Amino acid sequence: MYHTGSVSVLFGVELMISVKDILLPELSSPTRLILSHVMSTLHDVSQYASETRMTPLNLAICLAPDLIRGPDMIEDSALCLPPGKKMTTQMGHTPKGDGTVVGILELLIRNPI
């Protein structure tokens, strides 16, 4: 477990195994290669977080919106929230995502594939 801001986040071995065994095999070989390079580069950038404030979480928050393009922009926005944050809209619609993409990206930045 590690602490990011006011949210404690637990990324266990099970989640990393799920990402590597379930998510990554669904990607094409060129996509996996690019993802691996980008995550490795972002991991290197995150090593200077004390100077740049670009922690793995901040990097994931910046990158997530570029990776999400679904039919529901509100749901896309919810998927890009930091883990544990909830989003509500003025219309009473509560989107399904709760930072799922950001959480996975943060995990991959901390532990490049």
Protein backbone atom coordinates (compact mmCIF):
# COMPACT_ATOMS: atom_id res chain seq x y z
CA MET A 1 0.00 0.00 0.00
CA TYR A 2 1.20 3.52 -0.71
CA HIS A 3 -0.31 6.90 -0.04
CA THR A 4 -1.07 9.40 -2.81
CA GLY A 5 -2.50 12.66 -1.55
CA SER A 6 -5.47 11.98 0.68
CA VAL A 7 -6.28 8.66 -0.94
CA SER A 8 -4.65 5.42 0.17
CA VAL A 9 -4.31 3.11 -2.80
CA LEU A 10 -3.67 -0.59 -2.61
CA PHE A 11 -2.20 -2.14 -5.74
CA GLY A 12 -1.64 -5.76 -4.93
CA VAL A 13 0.16 -8.43 -6.82
CA GLU A 14 -3.23 -9.67 -8.04
CA LEU A 15 -3.94 -6.44 -9.91
CA MET A 16 -0.55 -6.44 -11.61
CA ILE A 17 -1.03 -10.07 -12.60
CA SER A 18 -4.50 -9.25 -13.96
CA VAL A 19 -3.15 -6.38 -16.04
CA LYS A 20 -0.31 -8.47 -17.43
CA ASP A 21 -2.33 -11.67 -17.95
CA ILE A 22 -5.70 -10.26 -19.07
CA LEU A 23 -5.30 -6.72 -20.44
CA LEU A 24 -1.95 -6.83 -22.22
CA PRO A 25 -2.60 -10.02 -24.25
CA GLU A 26 -5.65 -8.27 -25.75
CA LEU A 27 -3.40 -5.63 -27.31
CA SER A 28 -1.64 -6.10 -30.62
CA SER A 29 2.10 -6.67 -30.54
CA PRO A 30 2.96 -3.18 -31.86
CA THR A 31 0.58 -1.59 -29.32
CA ARG A 32 2.20 -3.55 -26.46
CA LEU A 33 5.63 -2.46 -27.65
CA ILE A 34 4.63 1.21 -27.76
CA LEU A 35 2.87 0.96 -24.39
CA SER A 36 5.97 -0.64 -22.89
CA HIS A 37 8.21 2.13 -24.21
CA VAL A 38 5.87 4.92 -23.06
CA MET A 39 5.46 3.41 -19.57
CA SER A 40 9.22 2.94 -19.23
CA THR A 41 9.82 6.55 -20.28
CA LEU A 42 7.17 7.82 -17.86
CA HIS A 43 8.71 5.70 -15.11
CA ASP A 44 12.04 7.45 -15.77
CA VAL A 45 10.30 10.86 -15.69
CA SER A 46 8.61 9.98 -12.39
CA GLN A 47 12.02 9.41 -10.80
CA TYR A 48 12.42 13.21 -10.78
CA ALA A 49 9.06 13.86 -9.06
CA SER A 50 10.73 15.73 -6.21
CA GLU A 51 11.82 18.35 -8.74
CA THR A 52 8.98 18.20 -11.29
CA ARG A 53 5.99 17.11 -9.17
CA MET A 54 5.20 14.60 -11.90
CA THR A 55 4.53 11.55 -9.78
CA PRO A 56 3.25 8.34 -11.40
CA LEU A 57 -0.28 9.43 -10.44
CA ASN A 58 0.11 12.90 -11.98
CA LEU A 59 1.58 11.41 -15.15
CA ALA A 60 -1.29 8.92 -15.35
CA ILE A 61 -3.86 11.71 -14.91
CA CYS A 62 -2.26 13.64 -17.79
CA LEU A 63 -2.09 10.63 -20.11
CA ALA A 64 -5.45 8.96 -19.43
CA PRO A 65 -7.69 11.37 -21.40
CA ASP A 66 -5.61 10.76 -24.53
CA LEU A 67 -6.30 7.02 -24.31
CA ILE A 68 -10.07 7.15 -23.77
CA ARG A 69 -12.49 7.77 -26.63
CA GLY A 70 -15.83 6.13 -25.92
CA PRO A 71 -19.35 7.12 -26.94
CA ASP A 72 -20.11 8.72 -23.54
CA MET A 73 -17.84 11.68 -22.75
CA ILE A 74 -19.07 11.86 -19.15
CA GLU A 75 -18.19 8.21 -18.55
CA ASP A 76 -14.82 8.78 -20.23
CA SER A 77 -14.17 11.64 -17.81
CA ALA A 78 -15.04 9.42 -14.84
CA LEU A 79 -12.57 6.77 -16.00
CA CYS A 80 -9.86 9.43 -15.97
CA LEU A 81 -10.37 10.55 -12.37
CA PRO A 82 -7.76 9.72 -9.74
CA PRO A 83 -8.59 6.38 -8.05
CA GLY A 84 -11.16 6.76 -5.30
CA LYS A 85 -12.60 10.03 -6.62
CA LYS A 86 -16.26 10.06 -7.64
CA MET A 87 -17.91 12.28 -10.20
CA THR A 88 -21.51 13.41 -10.27
CA THR A 89 -23.14 15.56 -12.90
CA GLN A 90 -25.82 18.22 -12.72
CA MET A 91 -28.23 15.85 -14.47
CA GLY A 92 -28.05 13.30 -11.67
CA HIS A 93 -26.24 10.81 -13.93
CA THR A 94 -23.48 9.04 -12.02
CA PRO A 95 -20.93 7.64 -14.47
CA LYS A 96 -19.64 4.11 -14.02
CA GLY A 97 -15.87 4.73 -13.97
CA ASP A 98 -13.98 5.66 -10.85
CA GLY A 99 -10.46 6.28 -12.06
CA THR A 100 -9.99 2.84 -13.55
CA VAL A 101 -7.75 3.98 -16.41
CA VAL A 102 -5.70 6.30 -14.20
CA GLY A 103 -5.20 3.53 -11.65
CA ILE A 104 -3.99 1.06 -14.26
CA LEU A 105 -1.69 3.64 -15.87
CA GLU A 106 -0.25 4.60 -12.50
CA LEU A 107 0.43 0.93 -11.79
CA LEU A 108 2.13 0.48 -15.18
CA ILE A 109 4.24 3.62 -14.67
CA ARG A 110 5.36 2.39 -11.25
CA ASN A 111 6.04 -1.10 -12.64
CA PRO A 112 6.85 -0.79 -16.36
CA ILE A 113 6.08 -3.81 -18.52
